[in-house]
Amino acid sequence: MSEPVAVSLAEVAEVVRRVVREELGRLPGEWLSLRQVAEHMGVSPRYIRQLRSRAELPEPARPSSLGTVLRWRRRDIDAWLENRKGM
């Protein structure tokens, strides 16, 4: 048997974050990153950050308790956009 390898909690956390990001990227369109929300709306990522900081955009959901990757549900963004049309 091989000897156990000492791994720091920070190293484990980084691996988990990377795996979560990769797995979220494979989801078929349900979850959108900040960049994808911007593309979906035809605006810049900076504008999405501004909307978020002013609490004008729906709160992002965290589909996993692992990591800090923020994602929005496409249906939440679409509903929010539809709502804004009536304003």
N, C-alpha and C. Protein backbone atom coordinates (compact mmCIF):
# COMPACT_ATOMS: atom_id res chain seq x y z
N MET A 1 0.83 -1.19 0.00
CA MET A 1 0.00 0.00 0.00
C MET A 1 0.87 1.24 0.00
N SER A 2 0.39 2.28 -0.59
CA SER A 2 1.16 3.52 -0.61
C SER A 2 0.88 4.33 0.65
N GLU A 3 1.79 5.22 0.93
CA GLU A 3 1.69 6.08 2.10
C GLU A 3 0.62 7.15 1.86
N PRO A 4 -0.12 7.53 2.91
CA PRO A 4 -1.09 8.63 2.75
C PRO A 4 -0.37 9.93 2.39
N VAL A 5 -1.02 10.74 1.61
CA VAL A 5 -0.45 12.01 1.19
C VAL A 5 -1.14 13.12 1.96
N ALA A 6 -0.35 14.01 2.53
CA ALA A 6 -0.92 15.15 3.26
C ALA A 6 -1.38 16.20 2.24
N VAL A 7 -2.63 16.58 2.38
CA VAL A 7 -3.21 17.58 1.48
C VAL A 7 -3.88 18.64 2.34
N SER A 8 -3.66 19.89 2.02
CA SER A 8 -4.26 20.97 2.80
C SER A 8 -5.72 21.14 2.45
N LEU A 9 -6.46 21.72 3.37
CA LEU A 9 -7.87 21.99 3.14
C LEU A 9 -8.05 22.94 1.96
N ALA A 10 -7.15 23.89 1.81
CA ALA A 10 -7.22 24.84 0.69
C ALA A 10 -7.07 24.11 -0.65
N GLU A 11 -6.19 23.11 -0.70
CA GLU A 11 -6.01 22.35 -1.94
C GLU A 11 -7.26 21.55 -2.26
N VAL A 12 -7.86 20.96 -1.25
CA VAL A 12 -9.10 20.19 -1.46
C VAL A 12 -10.20 21.12 -1.93
N ALA A 13 -10.31 22.29 -1.29
CA ALA A 13 -11.35 23.26 -1.67
C ALA A 13 -11.18 23.69 -3.12
N GLU A 14 -9.95 23.93 -3.55
CA GLU A 14 -9.71 24.35 -4.93
C GLU A 14 -10.11 23.26 -5.92
N VAL A 15 -9.81 22.03 -5.60
CA VAL A 15 -10.20 20.92 -6.48
C VAL A 15 -11.72 20.82 -6.55
N VAL A 16 -12.39 20.96 -5.42
CA VAL A 16 -13.85 20.89 -5.39
C VAL A 16 -14.44 22.02 -6.22
N ARG A 17 -13.92 23.25 -6.07
CA ARG A 17 -14.42 24.38 -6.87
C ARG A 17 -14.26 24.11 -8.36
N ARG A 18 -13.09 23.59 -8.75
CA ARG A 18 -12.84 23.32 -10.16
C ARG A 18 -13.83 22.28 -10.69
N VAL A 19 -14.04 21.22 -9.93
CA VAL A 19 -14.97 20.16 -10.36
C VAL A 19 -16.39 20.71 -10.47
N VAL A 20 -16.81 21.52 -9.49
CA VAL A 20 -18.15 22.10 -9.54
C VAL A 20 -18.31 22.98 -10.77
N ARG A 21 -17.30 23.84 -11.04
CA ARG A 21 -17.37 24.69 -12.24
C ARG A 21 -17.49 23.85 -13.51
N GLU A 22 -16.70 22.79 -13.60
CA GLU A 22 -16.73 21.93 -14.78
C GLU A 22 -18.10 21.26 -14.92
N GLU A 23 -18.62 20.76 -13.82
CA GLU A 23 -19.91 20.07 -13.88
C GLU A 23 -21.04 21.04 -14.22
N LEU A 24 -21.00 22.24 -13.66
CA LEU A 24 -22.03 23.22 -13.98
C LEU A 24 -21.97 23.61 -15.45
N GLY A 25 -20.78 23.65 -15.99
CA GLY A 25 -20.64 23.97 -17.40
C GLY A 25 -21.25 22.93 -18.31
N ARG A 26 -21.45 21.74 -17.80
CA ARG A 26 -22.04 20.67 -18.61
C ARG A 26 -23.56 20.65 -18.56
N LEU A 27 -24.15 21.38 -17.62
CA LEU A 27 -25.61 21.39 -17.53
C LEU A 27 -26.19 22.05 -18.77
N PRO A 28 -27.20 21.46 -19.34
CA PRO A 28 -27.72 21.94 -20.63
C PRO A 28 -28.61 23.17 -20.51
N GLY A 29 -28.00 24.32 -20.28
CA GLY A 29 -28.74 25.56 -20.38
C GLY A 29 -29.60 25.95 -19.19
N GLU A 30 -29.76 25.12 -18.21
CA GLU A 30 -30.59 25.49 -17.06
C GLU A 30 -29.92 26.56 -16.21
N TRP A 31 -28.63 26.43 -15.99
CA TRP A 31 -27.89 27.37 -15.16
C TRP A 31 -27.01 28.26 -16.03
N LEU A 32 -27.03 29.56 -15.76
CA LEU A 32 -26.25 30.52 -16.53
C LEU A 32 -25.22 31.21 -15.64
N SER A 33 -24.02 31.34 -16.14
CA SER A 33 -22.99 32.12 -15.44
C SER A 33 -23.27 33.60 -15.66
N LEU A 34 -22.53 34.45 -14.98
CA LEU A 34 -22.69 35.89 -15.16
C LEU A 34 -22.46 36.25 -16.64
N ARG A 35 -21.43 35.70 -17.22
CA ARG A 35 -21.14 35.97 -18.64
C ARG A 35 -22.29 35.51 -19.53
N GLN A 36 -22.85 34.34 -19.24
CA GLN A 36 -23.94 33.82 -20.04
C GLN A 36 -25.22 34.64 -19.87
N VAL A 37 -25.46 35.15 -18.65
CA VAL A 37 -26.61 36.03 -18.44
C VAL A 37 -26.44 37.28 -19.28
N ALA A 38 -25.23 37.84 -19.28
CA ALA A 38 -24.96 39.03 -20.08
C ALA A 38 -25.20 38.76 -21.57
N GLU A 39 -24.70 37.64 -22.06
CA GLU A 39 -24.90 37.28 -23.47
C GLU A 39 -26.39 37.08 -23.76
N HIS A 40 -27.08 36.42 -22.86
CA HIS A 40 -28.51 36.15 -23.02
C HIS A 40 -29.30 37.46 -23.13
N MET A 41 -28.86 38.47 -22.36
CA MET A 41 -29.55 39.75 -22.35
C MET A 41 -29.00 40.74 -23.37
N GLY A 42 -27.86 40.41 -23.98
CA GLY A 42 -27.25 41.32 -24.95
C GLY A 42 -26.60 42.53 -24.32
N VAL A 43 -26.04 42.34 -23.10
CA VAL A 43 -25.38 43.43 -22.39
C VAL A 43 -24.00 42.94 -21.93
N SER A 44 -23.25 43.82 -21.31
CA SER A 44 -21.91 43.45 -20.84
C SER A 44 -21.98 42.79 -19.46
N PRO A 45 -20.98 41.96 -19.14
CA PRO A 45 -20.90 41.41 -17.79
C PRO A 45 -20.84 42.52 -16.72
N ARG A 46 -20.19 43.62 -17.05
CA ARG A 46 -20.10 44.74 -16.11
C ARG A 46 -21.49 45.26 -15.77
N TYR A 47 -22.36 45.36 -16.76
CA TYR A 47 -23.73 45.83 -16.53
C TYR A 47 -24.49 44.85 -15.63
N ILE A 48 -24.27 43.56 -15.81
CA ILE A 48 -24.91 42.55 -14.95
C ILE A 48 -24.44 42.75 -13.51
N ARG A 49 -23.15 42.98 -13.32
CA ARG A 49 -22.63 43.23 -11.97
C ARG A 49 -23.28 44.48 -11.36
N GLN A 50 -23.48 45.52 -12.18
CA GLN A 50 -24.13 46.75 -11.69
C GLN A 50 -25.57 46.46 -11.28
N LEU A 51 -26.29 45.73 -12.12
CA LEU A 51 -27.67 45.38 -11.78
C LEU A 51 -27.72 44.59 -10.48
N ARG A 52 -26.80 43.67 -10.34
CA ARG A 52 -26.75 42.84 -9.14
C ARG A 52 -26.43 43.68 -7.90
N SER A 53 -25.48 44.60 -8.02
CA SER A 53 -25.11 45.43 -6.87
C SER A 53 -26.25 46.36 -6.46
N ARG A 54 -27.11 46.73 -7.40
CA ARG A 54 -28.27 47.57 -7.09
C ARG A 54 -29.51 46.73 -6.74
N ALA A 55 -29.32 45.43 -6.65
CA ALA A 55 -30.41 44.49 -6.32
C ALA A 55 -31.56 44.59 -7.32
N GLU A 56 -31.23 44.85 -8.58
CA GLU A 56 -32.24 44.92 -9.63
C GLU A 56 -32.36 43.62 -10.42
N LEU A 57 -31.45 42.72 -10.21
CA LEU A 57 -31.43 41.43 -10.90
C LEU A 57 -31.82 40.36 -9.90
N PRO A 58 -32.51 39.31 -10.33
CA PRO A 58 -32.81 38.23 -9.39
C PRO A 58 -31.51 37.72 -8.74
N GLU A 59 -31.61 37.33 -7.50
CA GLU A 59 -30.45 36.78 -6.81
C GLU A 59 -29.97 35.52 -7.51
N PRO A 60 -28.67 35.35 -7.63
CA PRO A 60 -28.18 34.10 -8.22
C PRO A 60 -28.45 32.94 -7.26
N ALA A 61 -28.63 31.79 -7.83
CA ALA A 61 -28.82 30.58 -7.04
C ALA A 61 -27.49 29.85 -7.00
N ARG A 62 -27.27 29.12 -5.97
CA ARG A 62 -26.07 28.28 -5.89
C ARG A 62 -26.56 26.85 -5.96
N PRO A 63 -26.48 26.25 -7.14
CA PRO A 63 -27.03 24.90 -7.30
C PRO A 63 -26.29 23.84 -6.51
N SER A 64 -25.19 24.19 -5.93
CA SER A 64 -24.43 23.24 -5.13
C SER A 64 -23.90 23.95 -3.91
N SER A 65 -23.88 23.27 -2.80
CA SER A 65 -23.31 23.88 -1.61
C SER A 65 -21.79 23.83 -1.66
N LEU A 66 -21.25 23.22 -2.69
CA LEU A 66 -19.81 23.13 -2.85
C LEU A 66 -19.31 24.32 -3.67
N GLY A 67 -18.38 25.02 -3.15
CA GLY A 67 -17.79 26.12 -3.90
C GLY A 67 -18.64 27.38 -3.85
N THR A 68 -18.17 28.40 -4.53
CA THR A 68 -18.86 29.68 -4.51
C THR A 68 -19.25 30.12 -5.91
N VAL A 69 -19.41 29.18 -6.79
CA VAL A 69 -19.77 29.49 -8.17
C VAL A 69 -21.22 29.98 -8.20
N LEU A 70 -21.42 31.18 -8.72
CA LEU A 70 -22.77 31.72 -8.81
C LEU A 70 -23.38 31.37 -10.15
N ARG A 71 -24.64 30.99 -10.11
CA ARG A 71 -25.38 30.70 -11.34
C ARG A 71 -26.80 31.20 -11.17
N TRP A 72 -27.37 31.62 -12.28
CA TRP A 72 -28.77 32.02 -12.30
C TRP A 72 -29.54 30.96 -13.08
N ARG A 73 -30.75 30.72 -12.67
CA ARG A 73 -31.62 29.84 -13.45
C ARG A 73 -32.10 30.61 -14.66
N ARG A 74 -32.03 29.99 -15.81
CA ARG A 74 -32.48 30.65 -17.04
C ARG A 74 -33.93 31.11 -16.90
N ARG A 75 -34.75 30.26 -16.32
CA ARG A 75 -36.18 30.62 -16.20
C ARG A 75 -36.38 31.84 -15.31
N ASP A 76 -35.53 32.03 -14.29
CA ASP A 76 -35.63 33.21 -13.43
C ASP A 76 -35.28 34.48 -14.21
N ILE A 77 -34.22 34.39 -15.01
CA ILE A 77 -33.82 35.55 -15.82
C ILE A 77 -34.89 35.84 -16.86
N ASP A 78 -35.41 34.81 -17.52
CA ASP A 78 -36.45 35.02 -18.53
C ASP A 78 -37.70 35.64 -17.91
N ALA A 79 -38.09 35.17 -16.72
CA ALA A 79 -39.27 35.73 -16.04
C ALA A 79 -39.02 37.19 -15.66
N TRP A 80 -37.82 37.47 -15.18
CA TRP A 80 -37.46 38.84 -14.81
C TRP A 80 -37.50 39.75 -16.04
N LEU A 81 -36.96 39.28 -17.16
CA LEU A 81 -36.99 40.07 -18.39
C LEU A 81 -38.42 40.31 -18.86
N GLU A 82 -39.26 39.29 -18.78
CA GLU A 82 -40.66 39.41 -19.18
C GLU A 82 -41.37 40.43 -18.31
N ASN A 83 -41.08 40.41 -17.03
CA ASN A 83 -41.66 41.36 -16.08
C ASN A 83 -41.28 42.78 -16.40
N ARG A 84 -40.03 42.98 -16.81
CA ARG A 84 -39.52 44.31 -17.12
C ARG A 84 -40.17 44.90 -18.38
N LYS A 85 -40.62 44.02 -19.28
CA LYS A 85 -41.28 44.51 -20.50
C LYS A 85 -42.52 45.33 -20.17
N GLY A 86 -43.21 44.95 -19.10
CA GLY A 86 -44.43 45.62 -18.71
C GLY A 86 -44.19 46.92 -17.95
N MET A 87 -42.94 47.26 -17.67
CA MET A 87 -42.65 48.47 -16.90
C MET A 87 -42.63 49.69 -17.77
